[in-house]
Structure formats: structure tokens, C-alpha cells
Amino acid sequence: MTGKTHLVVGTALASGLLLLNHNTSNSDIITTSIVLSALGAILPDIDTKHSIMRKVFYGTILAIGIMIGLIFYSNINPKSLINWDEVTVPIIIGIFSFIGLLIYGYFSSHRTFTHTLLALILFSLSIYMICNNLAYTMYFAIGMLSHQLLDMLNKKSMYWLNPITKKDFALYSINSSGTTSTMMFVVGLLVTICFTNQLSI
């Protein structure tokens, strides 16, 4: 599937679950849940050139670089920007784990590490360590799982249980950029718009 298809499917799932759980009024919960699900939905393609996730990755690095430069040249004390009392050891471990997994995925071949159950578990654990919130972790995991399940429909091998087994889970039924993928994008977009209109973002 294309990156935009994965993105709208992830946001549609998050919006639908928020409605089912009656989380329709807290804008912070709604926004965080949808963003995490969207992140999970595009993350596996960090192993693909020109993917949405790689653009997000590069943009984040650029933003951090600019921020560091501004802090350096403006003589701002970095300690004043963060409440260090809230930065716990699990959060630090989670952040470094997430970054490490991203870098490993970046240098992996397409549809290898980031498209496995192992990656889903490890990335979700790192998210949980960062936010210490099971619900937010669930939204991220659902987004990432949706990507992996959709890619199983494509006409390319996918070893979801690697390294446990080399069984190919691909169904070889849909072209990733074909008509079906386009239809999924349109439906996902319409569902997302419909659901988010019922949420108080």
C-alpha cells in the first residue's frame, strides 16, 4: 500500500476507537491518540526511500538541529526548557530505544525488521516506556499493526514472524499502488473525516 493509504487507515481506526470508547470531548487525548496511531501506521516504511516516514524522520532531525542551534546562539539554558523532575529513567530508556529501533529499521531492507511482530512489540514497549500510558500505546500498536496487515495483501514477500519462522505471510493479491489501494485510501479518508467531525478536536 502507499504511505497515504496507511496514514488514513491508521487515523480512521484511531478515530473509530475513540468514538467507541466515548472519548469525544478531551482534545488532548483525541489528538495524542490519533497522532500516535498515524505514526504507527507509517513507521514500518522507515525502511523505504521517499516514504512519508522518512520525510518525517528527516524533518524531525532538521527541527532538532535548528532548535539546538537557536539554543546555542541565544545562550538559553537547556535545563530551563525541560522539567527534569519528570524525566525518569524509563522515559530515557524508552526514547533511546525508540531512536535505536528507528535507526536499525532505516538501514534494514524493505519489509524485513519493521514489518515483523518483533518490531511491533519492541516499538510499542518503547512508546509505553516514554508515555507510561497503556491506551496511547494501544493506539500506536493498532496503527502499526494495520500497516503490517495491509502489506500482507501485497504482491511481495512478508515474513511477519521472522526470526521465529521464515513463513511468508503475503497473500499476493493486491498491487501496492493499484486501484484497490486507491479505493482504500478514499474510503479511509472519508471515514476519518466522518469520525473526526464527531470528535471535539
N, C-alpha and C. Protein backbone atom coordinates (compact mmCIF):
# COMPACT_ATOMS: atom_id res chain seq x y z
N MET A 1 0.82 -1.20 0.00
CA MET A 1 0.00 0.00 0.00
C MET A 1 0.86 1.26 0.00
N THR A 2 0.30 2.34 -0.48
CA THR A 2 1.04 3.59 -0.47
C THR A 2 1.04 4.18 0.94
N GLY A 3 1.97 5.08 1.19
CA GLY A 3 2.08 5.70 2.51
C GLY A 3 0.81 6.44 2.90
N LYS A 4 0.20 7.12 1.94
CA LYS A 4 -1.01 7.88 2.27
C LYS A 4 -2.17 6.96 2.62
N THR A 5 -2.20 5.77 2.01
CA THR A 5 -3.25 4.81 2.35
C THR A 5 -3.07 4.31 3.78
N HIS A 6 -1.84 3.97 4.13
CA HIS A 6 -1.55 3.54 5.50
C HIS A 6 -1.91 4.64 6.50
N LEU A 7 -1.61 5.87 6.14
CA LEU A 7 -1.85 7.01 7.04
C LEU A 7 -3.34 7.18 7.34
N VAL A 8 -4.16 7.18 6.30
CA VAL A 8 -5.59 7.42 6.53
C VAL A 8 -6.27 6.22 7.20
N VAL A 9 -5.79 5.01 6.92
CA VAL A 9 -6.34 3.84 7.60
C VAL A 9 -6.03 3.92 9.09
N GLY A 10 -4.81 4.32 9.42
CA GLY A 10 -4.42 4.45 10.82
C GLY A 10 -5.25 5.50 11.55
N THR A 11 -5.46 6.65 10.92
CA THR A 11 -6.25 7.70 11.55
C THR A 11 -7.73 7.32 11.64
N ALA A 12 -8.21 6.60 10.64
CA ALA A 12 -9.61 6.15 10.67
C ALA A 12 -9.84 5.17 11.82
N LEU A 13 -8.90 4.25 12.00
CA LEU A 13 -9.02 3.29 13.11
C LEU A 13 -9.00 3.98 14.46
N ALA A 14 -8.08 4.94 14.61
CA ALA A 14 -7.98 5.67 15.88
C ALA A 14 -9.25 6.46 16.15
N SER A 15 -9.76 7.15 15.14
CA SER A 15 -10.98 7.95 15.30
C SER A 15 -12.17 7.07 15.67
N GLY A 16 -12.26 5.91 15.02
CA GLY A 16 -13.35 4.99 15.31
C GLY A 16 -13.29 4.44 16.72
N LEU A 17 -12.08 4.09 17.17
CA LEU A 17 -11.92 3.56 18.53
C LEU A 17 -12.21 4.62 19.58
N LEU A 18 -11.85 5.86 19.30
CA LEU A 18 -12.15 6.95 20.23
C LEU A 18 -13.66 7.12 20.39
N LEU A 19 -14.37 6.99 19.28
CA LEU A 19 -15.83 7.09 19.34
C LEU A 19 -16.43 5.92 20.10
N LEU A 20 -15.90 4.72 19.86
CA LEU A 20 -16.41 3.54 20.55
C LEU A 20 -16.17 3.61 22.06
N ASN A 21 -15.04 4.23 22.43
CA ASN A 21 -14.70 4.36 23.85
C ASN A 21 -15.27 5.63 24.47
N HIS A 22 -16.06 6.36 23.67
CA HIS A 22 -16.72 7.59 24.13
C HIS A 22 -15.72 8.66 24.57
N ASN A 23 -14.52 8.64 23.98
CA ASN A 23 -13.54 9.71 24.23
C ASN A 23 -13.73 10.79 23.17
N THR A 24 -14.75 11.59 23.32
CA THR A 24 -15.12 12.54 22.27
C THR A 24 -14.98 14.00 22.68
N SER A 25 -14.54 14.27 23.89
CA SER A 25 -14.52 15.66 24.36
C SER A 25 -13.14 16.16 24.79
N ASN A 26 -12.24 15.26 25.18
CA ASN A 26 -10.92 15.68 25.63
C ASN A 26 -9.98 15.81 24.42
N SER A 27 -9.71 17.05 24.03
CA SER A 27 -8.93 17.28 22.81
C SER A 27 -7.50 16.75 22.92
N ASP A 28 -6.92 16.79 24.12
CA ASP A 28 -5.55 16.28 24.29
C ASP A 28 -5.48 14.78 24.04
N ILE A 29 -6.44 14.04 24.61
CA ILE A 29 -6.49 12.58 24.42
C ILE A 29 -6.75 12.25 22.95
N ILE A 30 -7.68 12.96 22.35
CA ILE A 30 -8.04 12.70 20.95
C ILE A 30 -6.84 12.94 20.03
N THR A 31 -6.21 14.10 20.18
CA THR A 31 -5.08 14.45 19.31
C THR A 31 -3.92 13.49 19.49
N THR A 32 -3.55 13.20 20.75
CA THR A 32 -2.43 12.31 21.01
C THR A 32 -2.70 10.91 20.47
N SER A 33 -3.91 10.41 20.65
CA SER A 33 -4.26 9.06 20.19
C SER A 33 -4.18 8.96 18.67
N ILE A 34 -4.71 9.96 17.98
CA ILE A 34 -4.71 9.94 16.51
C ILE A 34 -3.29 10.09 15.98
N VAL A 35 -2.50 10.98 16.58
CA VAL A 35 -1.13 11.19 16.13
C VAL A 35 -0.30 9.92 16.32
N LEU A 36 -0.46 9.26 17.48
CA LEU A 36 0.30 8.03 17.73
C LEU A 36 -0.12 6.91 16.78
N SER A 37 -1.40 6.81 16.50
CA SER A 37 -1.87 5.79 15.56
C SER A 37 -1.34 6.07 14.16
N ALA A 38 -1.35 7.34 13.77
CA ALA A 38 -0.82 7.73 12.46
C ALA A 38 0.67 7.44 12.38
N LEU A 39 1.39 7.72 13.46
CA LEU A 39 2.83 7.42 13.50
C LEU A 39 3.07 5.93 13.33
N GLY A 40 2.31 5.12 14.07
CA GLY A 40 2.44 3.67 13.95
C GLY A 40 2.12 3.18 12.55
N ALA A 41 1.16 3.85 11.91
CA ALA A 41 0.71 3.42 10.59
C ALA A 41 1.74 3.68 9.49
N ILE A 42 2.57 4.69 9.67
CA ILE A 42 3.57 4.99 8.63
C ILE A 42 4.98 4.52 9.01
N LEU A 43 5.18 4.20 10.30
CA LEU A 43 6.53 3.89 10.78
C LEU A 43 7.22 2.73 10.05
N PRO A 44 6.55 1.61 9.76
CA PRO A 44 7.25 0.48 9.12
C PRO A 44 7.99 0.85 7.84
N ASP A 45 7.53 1.89 7.14
CA ASP A 45 8.18 2.26 5.89
C ASP A 45 9.38 3.18 6.08
N ILE A 46 9.91 3.24 7.30
CA ILE A 46 11.18 3.92 7.53
C ILE A 46 12.27 3.23 6.72
N ASP A 47 12.01 1.99 6.29
CA ASP A 47 12.99 1.23 5.50
C ASP A 47 12.86 1.48 4.00
N THR A 48 12.04 2.47 3.63
CA THR A 48 11.77 2.73 2.21
C THR A 48 12.16 4.15 1.83
N LYS A 49 12.91 4.29 0.75
CA LYS A 49 13.29 5.62 0.27
C LYS A 49 12.05 6.42 -0.14
N HIS A 50 12.04 7.70 0.14
CA HIS A 50 10.99 8.64 -0.26
C HIS A 50 9.65 8.37 0.42
N SER A 51 9.64 7.56 1.48
CA SER A 51 8.39 7.29 2.19
C SER A 51 8.03 8.48 3.08
N ILE A 52 6.75 8.52 3.49
CA ILE A 52 6.30 9.58 4.39
C ILE A 52 7.09 9.53 5.69
N MET A 53 7.34 8.33 6.20
CA MET A 53 8.04 8.19 7.46
C MET A 53 9.46 8.73 7.37
N ARG A 54 10.13 8.50 6.25
CA ARG A 54 11.49 9.03 6.11
C ARG A 54 11.47 10.56 6.06
N LYS A 55 10.44 11.14 5.45
CA LYS A 55 10.32 12.60 5.41
C LYS A 55 10.09 13.14 6.82
N VAL A 56 9.26 12.43 7.59
CA VAL A 56 9.03 12.82 8.99
C VAL A 56 10.33 12.70 9.77
N PHE A 57 11.06 11.63 9.53
CA PHE A 57 12.34 11.37 10.20
C PHE A 57 13.34 12.49 9.91
N TYR A 58 13.48 12.84 8.62
CA TYR A 58 14.42 13.90 8.24
C TYR A 58 13.96 15.25 8.82
N GLY A 59 12.66 15.50 8.76
CA GLY A 59 12.12 16.75 9.28
C GLY A 59 12.36 16.90 10.77
N THR A 60 12.21 15.79 11.49
CA THR A 60 12.44 15.81 12.94
C THR A 60 13.90 16.10 13.26
N ILE A 61 14.81 15.46 12.52
CA ILE A 61 16.24 15.70 12.72
C ILE A 61 16.57 17.17 12.44
N LEU A 62 16.00 17.70 11.35
CA LEU A 62 16.23 19.10 10.99
C LEU A 62 15.72 20.04 12.08
N ALA A 63 14.51 19.75 12.58
CA ALA A 63 13.91 20.59 13.61
C ALA A 63 14.74 20.58 14.89
N ILE A 64 15.22 19.40 15.27
CA ILE A 64 16.07 19.29 16.46
C ILE A 64 17.38 20.06 16.26
N GLY A 65 17.95 19.94 15.06
CA GLY A 65 19.18 20.66 14.76
C GLY A 65 18.99 22.17 14.85
N ILE A 66 17.87 22.66 14.28
CA ILE A 66 17.58 24.10 14.34
C ILE A 66 17.38 24.54 15.79
N MET A 67 16.66 23.73 16.56
CA MET A 67 16.41 24.07 17.96
C MET A 67 17.71 24.15 18.75
N ILE A 68 18.60 23.18 18.52
CA ILE A 68 19.89 23.18 19.21
C ILE A 68 20.71 24.42 18.82
N GLY A 69 20.66 24.76 17.54
CA GLY A 69 21.37 25.94 17.06
C GLY A 69 20.84 27.22 17.70
N LEU A 70 19.52 27.32 17.78
CA LEU A 70 18.92 28.51 18.39
C LEU A 70 19.28 28.62 19.87
N ILE A 71 19.27 27.47 20.54
CA ILE A 71 19.63 27.46 21.97
C ILE A 71 21.09 27.89 22.14
N PHE A 72 21.94 27.38 21.27
CA PHE A 72 23.37 27.69 21.36
C PHE A 72 23.65 29.17 21.13
N TYR A 73 23.02 29.73 20.07
CA TYR A 73 23.31 31.11 19.71
C TYR A 73 22.55 32.13 20.56
N SER A 74 21.50 31.70 21.23
CA SER A 74 20.73 32.63 22.07
C SER A 74 21.12 32.53 23.54
N ASN A 75 22.07 31.64 23.83
CA ASN A 75 22.55 31.45 25.20
C ASN A 75 21.44 31.06 26.19
N ILE A 76 20.46 30.32 25.68
CA ILE A 76 19.39 29.82 26.55
C ILE A 76 19.90 28.60 27.29
N ASN A 77 19.60 28.52 28.56
CA ASN A 77 19.98 27.36 29.36
C ASN A 77 19.04 26.20 29.03
N PRO A 78 19.54 25.11 28.42
CA PRO A 78 18.67 23.98 28.05
C PRO A 78 17.88 23.43 29.23
N LYS A 79 18.46 23.53 30.43
CA LYS A 79 17.79 23.00 31.62
C LYS A 79 16.48 23.72 31.91
N SER A 80 16.38 24.97 31.43
CA SER A 80 15.16 25.75 31.69
C SER A 80 14.01 25.35 30.77
N LEU A 81 14.32 24.57 29.71
CA LEU A 81 13.30 24.19 28.73
C LEU A 81 12.59 22.89 29.09
N ILE A 82 13.16 22.12 29.99
CA ILE A 82 12.62 20.81 30.34
C ILE A 82 12.46 20.70 31.85
N ASN A 83 11.33 20.15 32.26
CA ASN A 83 11.14 19.86 33.68
C ASN A 83 11.81 18.52 33.97
N TRP A 84 13.06 18.58 34.40
CA TRP A 84 13.86 17.38 34.56
C TRP A 84 13.35 16.47 35.67
N ASP A 85 12.53 17.02 36.56
CA ASP A 85 11.95 16.19 37.63
C ASP A 85 10.99 15.14 37.07
N GLU A 86 10.46 15.41 35.85
CA GLU A 86 9.51 14.49 35.22
C GLU A 86 10.20 13.50 34.28
N VAL A 87 11.49 13.71 34.05
CA VAL A 87 12.23 12.82 33.15
C VAL A 87 12.80 11.66 33.96
N THR A 88 12.13 10.52 33.87
CA THR A 88 12.52 9.35 34.65
C THR A 88 13.42 8.43 33.82
N VAL A 89 14.02 7.47 34.49
CA VAL A 89 14.89 6.50 33.80
C VAL A 89 14.14 5.73 32.71
N PRO A 90 12.90 5.23 32.98
CA PRO A 90 12.16 4.54 31.92
C PRO A 90 11.92 5.42 30.69
N ILE A 91 11.65 6.70 30.89
CA ILE A 91 11.44 7.60 29.75
C ILE A 91 12.72 7.71 28.92
N ILE A 92 13.86 7.87 29.59
CA ILE A 92 15.14 7.98 28.89
C ILE A 92 15.43 6.69 28.11
N ILE A 93 15.22 5.55 28.76
CA ILE A 93 15.43 4.26 28.09
C ILE A 93 14.49 4.11 26.90
N GLY A 94 13.23 4.51 27.09
CA GLY A 94 12.25 4.42 26.01
C GLY A 94 12.62 5.28 24.81
N ILE A 95 13.08 6.51 25.08
CA ILE A 95 13.46 7.41 23.98
C ILE A 95 14.64 6.85 23.21
N PHE A 96 15.67 6.42 23.92
CA PHE A 96 16.85 5.88 23.24
C PHE A 96 16.54 4.56 22.52
N SER A 97 15.65 3.76 23.10
CA SER A 97 15.24 2.51 22.46
C SER A 97 14.50 2.80 21.17
N PHE A 98 13.59 3.77 21.21
CA PHE A 98 12.80 4.13 20.02
C PHE A 98 13.71 4.65 18.92
N ILE A 99 14.64 5.53 19.29
CA ILE A 99 15.58 6.07 18.30
C ILE A 99 16.45 4.95 17.72
N GLY A 100 16.94 4.07 18.59
CA GLY A 100 17.76 2.96 18.13
C GLY A 100 17.03 2.04 17.18
N LEU A 101 15.77 1.74 17.51
CA LEU A 101 14.96 0.89 16.63
C LEU A 101 14.70 1.56 15.29
N LEU A 102 14.46 2.89 15.32
CA LEU A 102 14.25 3.64 14.09
C LEU A 102 15.48 3.58 13.19
N ILE A 103 16.64 3.79 13.79
CA ILE A 103 17.88 3.76 13.02
C ILE A 103 18.12 2.37 12.43
N TYR A 104 17.86 1.34 13.23
CA TYR A 104 18.01 -0.04 12.73
C TYR A 104 17.05 -0.30 11.58
N GLY A 105 15.81 0.16 11.74
CA GLY A 105 14.83 0.00 10.67
C GLY A 105 15.21 0.77 9.42
N TYR A 106 15.79 1.95 9.61
CA TYR A 106 16.19 2.80 8.48
C TYR A 106 17.19 2.07 7.58
N PHE A 107 18.11 1.37 8.20
CA PHE A 107 19.16 0.69 7.44
C PHE A 107 18.80 -0.75 7.06
N SER A 108 17.59 -1.19 7.42
CA SER A 108 17.15 -2.55 7.07
C SER A 108 16.55 -2.56 5.66
N SER A 109 16.55 -3.72 5.05
CA SER A 109 15.91 -3.88 3.74
C SER A 109 14.40 -3.75 3.89
N HIS A 110 13.74 -3.37 2.80
CA HIS A 110 12.29 -3.18 2.85
C HIS A 110 11.57 -4.48 3.20
N ARG A 111 10.59 -4.36 4.07
CA ARG A 111 9.77 -5.48 4.52
C ARG A 111 10.55 -6.53 5.30
N THR A 112 11.52 -6.08 6.04
CA THR A 112 12.23 -7.01 6.91
C THR A 112 11.88 -6.68 8.36
N PHE A 113 12.77 -6.06 9.10
CA PHE A 113 12.57 -5.85 10.54
C PHE A 113 11.30 -5.10 10.90
N THR A 114 11.08 -3.94 10.30
CA THR A 114 9.94 -3.10 10.72
C THR A 114 8.58 -3.67 10.34
N HIS A 115 8.58 -4.72 9.53
CA HIS A 115 7.33 -5.35 9.13
C HIS A 115 7.12 -6.69 9.85
N THR A 116 7.69 -6.81 11.05
CA THR A 116 7.57 -8.06 11.81
C THR A 116 6.84 -7.83 13.13
N LEU A 117 6.35 -8.92 13.70
CA LEU A 117 5.71 -8.86 15.01
C LEU A 117 6.71 -8.42 16.07
N LEU A 118 7.96 -8.84 15.93
CA LEU A 118 9.00 -8.44 16.88
C LEU A 118 9.15 -6.93 16.93
N ALA A 119 9.18 -6.29 15.77
CA ALA A 119 9.30 -4.83 15.71
C ALA A 119 8.08 -4.17 16.35
N LEU A 120 6.91 -4.71 16.07
CA LEU A 120 5.67 -4.18 16.66
C LEU A 120 5.76 -4.19 18.19
N ILE A 121 6.23 -5.29 18.74
CA ILE A 121 6.34 -5.42 20.19
C ILE A 121 7.38 -4.46 20.75
N LEU A 122 8.55 -4.40 20.13
CA LEU A 122 9.64 -3.57 20.63
C LEU A 122 9.32 -2.08 20.54
N PHE A 123 8.76 -1.65 19.42
CA PHE A 123 8.39 -0.24 19.27
C PHE A 123 7.28 0.13 20.27
N SER A 124 6.32 -0.77 20.44
CA SER A 124 5.22 -0.49 21.37
C SER A 124 5.72 -0.40 22.81
N LEU A 125 6.66 -1.26 23.17
CA LEU A 125 7.25 -1.21 24.51
C LEU A 125 7.98 0.12 24.75
N SER A 126 8.70 0.58 23.73
CA SER A 126 9.41 1.85 23.87
C SER A 126 8.43 3.02 24.01
N ILE A 127 7.32 2.96 23.28
CA ILE A 127 6.29 4.00 23.40
C ILE A 127 5.69 3.98 24.81
N TYR A 128 5.43 2.79 25.33
CA TYR A 128 4.88 2.69 26.68
C TYR A 128 5.84 3.25 27.72
N MET A 129 7.13 2.98 27.55
CA MET A 129 8.11 3.49 28.49
C MET A 129 8.19 5.02 28.45
N ILE A 130 7.95 5.59 27.27
CA ILE A 130 8.01 7.04 27.12
C ILE A 130 6.78 7.72 27.73
N CYS A 131 5.59 7.21 27.41
CA CYS A 131 4.37 7.90 27.84
C CYS A 131 3.71 7.28 29.07
N ASN A 132 4.11 6.05 29.43
CA ASN A 132 3.53 5.36 30.59
C ASN A 132 2.01 5.37 30.55
N ASN A 133 1.47 5.11 29.36
CA ASN A 133 0.03 5.14 29.17
C ASN A 133 -0.35 3.97 28.25
N LEU A 134 -1.09 3.01 28.79
CA LEU A 134 -1.43 1.81 28.03
C LEU A 134 -2.35 2.13 26.85
N ALA A 135 -3.27 3.07 27.04
CA ALA A 135 -4.20 3.43 25.97
C ALA A 135 -3.45 4.05 24.79
N TYR A 136 -2.55 4.98 25.06
CA TYR A 136 -1.77 5.59 23.99
C TYR A 136 -0.92 4.54 23.27
N THR A 137 -0.34 3.63 24.04
CA THR A 137 0.46 2.56 23.45
C THR A 137 -0.40 1.69 22.53
N MET A 138 -1.63 1.44 22.95
CA MET A 138 -2.54 0.63 22.15
C MET A 138 -2.83 1.31 20.81
N TYR A 139 -3.06 2.62 20.83
CA TYR A 139 -3.34 3.34 19.58
C TYR A 139 -2.14 3.27 18.63
N PHE A 140 -0.95 3.43 19.18
CA PHE A 140 0.25 3.31 18.35
C PHE A 140 0.36 1.90 17.76
N ALA A 141 0.16 0.89 18.60
CA ALA A 141 0.29 -0.51 18.17
C ALA A 141 -0.75 -0.86 17.11
N ILE A 142 -1.96 -0.34 17.27
CA ILE A 142 -3.02 -0.61 16.29
C ILE A 142 -2.66 0.01 14.94
N GLY A 143 -2.12 1.22 14.99
CA GLY A 143 -1.70 1.86 13.74
C GLY A 143 -0.61 1.07 13.04
N MET A 144 0.39 0.62 13.80
CA MET A 144 1.49 -0.13 13.22
C MET A 144 1.03 -1.50 12.72
N LEU A 145 0.16 -2.15 13.49
CA LEU A 145 -0.36 -3.45 13.08
C LEU A 145 -1.19 -3.32 11.80
N SER A 146 -1.95 -2.23 11.67
CA SER A 146 -2.75 -2.03 10.47
C SER A 146 -1.86 -1.96 9.23
N HIS A 147 -0.70 -1.33 9.36
CA HIS A 147 0.25 -1.25 8.25
C HIS A 147 0.72 -2.65 7.87
N GLN A 148 1.11 -3.41 8.86
CA GLN A 148 1.63 -4.75 8.60
C GLN A 148 0.57 -5.66 7.97
N LEU A 149 -0.66 -5.58 8.48
CA LEU A 149 -1.73 -6.42 7.94
C LEU A 149 -2.08 -6.03 6.50
N LEU A 150 -2.12 -4.72 6.22
CA LEU A 150 -2.41 -4.28 4.87
C LEU A 150 -1.32 -4.72 3.90
N ASP A 151 -0.06 -4.68 4.36
CA ASP A 151 1.04 -5.07 3.48
C ASP A 151 1.05 -6.57 3.20
N MET A 152 0.37 -7.33 4.03
CA MET A 152 0.26 -8.77 3.76
C MET A 152 -0.58 -9.04 2.51
N LEU A 153 -1.37 -8.05 2.11
CA LEU A 153 -2.20 -8.21 0.92
C LEU A 153 -1.42 -7.99 -0.36
N ASN A 154 -0.26 -7.36 -0.24
CA ASN A 154 0.52 -7.00 -1.42
C ASN A 154 1.22 -8.19 -2.08
N LYS A 155 1.67 -7.92 -3.28
CA LYS A 155 2.35 -8.96 -4.05
C LYS A 155 3.86 -8.94 -3.81
N LYS A 156 4.22 -9.01 -2.52
CA LYS A 156 5.63 -9.05 -2.15
C LYS A 156 5.77 -9.79 -0.84
N SER A 157 6.83 -10.58 -0.72
CA SER A 157 7.03 -11.42 0.46
C SER A 157 7.04 -10.60 1.75
N MET A 158 6.47 -11.20 2.81
CA MET A 158 6.47 -10.56 4.12
C MET A 158 6.60 -11.65 5.19
N TYR A 159 7.70 -11.62 5.90
CA TYR A 159 7.99 -12.64 6.90
C TYR A 159 7.68 -12.08 8.29
N TRP A 160 6.39 -12.06 8.61
CA TRP A 160 5.90 -11.36 9.81
C TRP A 160 6.44 -11.95 11.11
N LEU A 161 6.66 -13.25 11.14
CA LEU A 161 7.14 -13.90 12.36
C LEU A 161 8.65 -14.13 12.36
N ASN A 162 9.35 -13.50 11.47
CA ASN A 162 10.81 -13.55 11.48
C ASN A 162 11.31 -12.88 12.78
N PRO A 163 12.26 -13.45 13.52
CA PRO A 163 13.14 -14.57 13.16
C PRO A 163 12.64 -15.94 13.64
N ILE A 164 11.41 -16.03 14.13
CA ILE A 164 10.90 -17.32 14.62
C ILE A 164 10.74 -18.31 13.48
N THR A 165 10.19 -17.81 12.37
CA THR A 165 9.99 -18.67 11.21
C THR A 165 10.11 -17.83 9.94
N LYS A 166 10.49 -18.47 8.84
CA LYS A 166 10.62 -17.79 7.56
C LYS A 166 9.34 -17.92 6.72
N LYS A 167 8.24 -18.27 7.37
CA LYS A 167 6.98 -18.41 6.65
C LYS A 167 6.58 -17.08 6.03
N ASP A 168 6.17 -17.12 4.77
CA ASP A 168 5.76 -15.93 4.04
C ASP A 168 4.26 -15.69 4.29
N PHE A 169 3.92 -14.54 4.86
CA PHE A 169 2.53 -14.22 5.18
C PHE A 169 1.84 -13.41 4.08
N ALA A 170 2.54 -13.11 3.01
CA ALA A 170 1.95 -12.33 1.93
C ALA A 170 0.88 -13.14 1.19
N LEU A 171 -0.22 -12.45 0.85
CA LEU A 171 -1.31 -13.11 0.13
C LEU A 171 -1.22 -12.89 -1.38
N TYR A 172 -0.33 -11.99 -1.79
CA TYR A 172 -0.08 -11.73 -3.21
C TYR A 172 -1.36 -11.43 -3.98
N SER A 173 -2.21 -10.57 -3.42
CA SER A 173 -3.49 -10.33 -4.06
C SER A 173 -3.70 -8.90 -4.56
N ILE A 174 -2.91 -7.94 -4.03
CA ILE A 174 -3.15 -6.54 -4.37
C ILE A 174 -1.86 -5.85 -4.76
N ASN A 175 -1.93 -5.04 -5.82
CA ASN A 175 -0.80 -4.20 -6.19
C ASN A 175 -0.76 -3.00 -5.25
N SER A 176 0.42 -2.72 -4.67
CA SER A 176 0.53 -1.68 -3.65
C SER A 176 0.11 -0.30 -4.13
N SER A 177 0.18 -0.06 -5.41
CA SER A 177 -0.22 1.25 -5.94
C SER A 177 -1.35 1.13 -6.96
N GLY A 178 -2.10 0.06 -6.86
CA GLY A 178 -3.17 -0.19 -7.81
C GLY A 178 -4.51 0.43 -7.41
N THR A 179 -5.56 0.00 -8.11
CA THR A 179 -6.90 0.56 -7.89
C THR A 179 -7.42 0.26 -6.49
N THR A 180 -7.19 -0.95 -6.01
CA THR A 180 -7.69 -1.33 -4.68
C THR A 180 -7.06 -0.45 -3.60
N SER A 181 -5.77 -0.19 -3.73
CA SER A 181 -5.10 0.68 -2.77
C SER A 181 -5.68 2.08 -2.80
N THR A 182 -5.97 2.56 -4.00
CA THR A 182 -6.56 3.90 -4.14
C THR A 182 -7.94 3.95 -3.51
N MET A 183 -8.72 2.88 -3.70
CA MET A 183 -10.05 2.81 -3.11
C MET A 183 -9.97 2.79 -1.58
N MET A 184 -8.98 2.06 -1.04
CA MET A 184 -8.79 2.02 0.41
C MET A 184 -8.45 3.40 0.94
N PHE A 185 -7.64 4.14 0.18
CA PHE A 185 -7.28 5.50 0.59
C PHE A 185 -8.52 6.38 0.64
N VAL A 186 -9.34 6.32 -0.39
CA VAL A 186 -10.54 7.16 -0.45
C VAL A 186 -11.49 6.82 0.68
N VAL A 187 -11.73 5.52 0.90
CA VAL A 187 -12.63 5.09 1.97
C VAL A 187 -12.07 5.49 3.33
N GLY A 188 -10.77 5.26 3.52
CA GLY A 188 -10.13 5.62 4.78
C GLY A 188 -10.23 7.11 5.05
N LEU A 189 -10.04 7.91 4.01
CA LEU A 189 -10.11 9.36 4.16
C LEU A 189 -11.52 9.81 4.52
N LEU A 190 -12.51 9.24 3.85
CA LEU A 190 -13.91 9.59 4.13
C LEU A 190 -14.31 9.18 5.55
N VAL A 191 -13.88 8.00 5.96
CA VAL A 191 -14.18 7.53 7.31
C VAL A 191 -13.51 8.43 8.35
N THR A 192 -12.26 8.80 8.09
CA THR A 192 -11.54 9.68 9.01
C THR A 192 -12.26 11.02 9.16
N ILE A 193 -12.66 11.60 8.03
CA ILE A 193 -13.37 12.88 8.06
C ILE A 193 -14.68 12.76 8.82
N CYS A 194 -15.41 11.68 8.55
CA CYS A 194 -16.71 11.44 9.19
C CYS A 194 -16.55 11.30 10.70
N PHE A 195 -15.57 10.49 11.11
CA PHE A 195 -15.38 10.23 12.53
C PHE A 195 -14.82 11.44 13.27
N THR A 196 -13.82 12.11 12.68
CA THR A 196 -13.21 13.25 13.37
C THR A 196 -14.19 14.42 13.51
N ASN A 197 -15.17 14.50 12.60
CA ASN A 197 -16.19 15.55 12.72
C ASN A 197 -17.05 15.34 13.97
N GLN A 198 -17.05 14.10 14.47
CA GLN A 198 -17.83 13.80 15.67
C GLN A 198 -17.00 13.91 16.94
N LEU A 199 -15.71 14.21 16.75
CA LEU A 199 -14.82 14.36 17.88
C LEU A 199 -14.53 15.84 18.12
N SER A 200 -14.33 16.20 19.37
CA SER A 200 -14.08 17.61 19.71
C SER A 200 -12.58 17.88 19.73
N ILE A 201 -12.00 18.00 18.54
CA ILE A 201 -10.56 18.26 18.46
C ILE A 201 -10.32 19.78 18.54
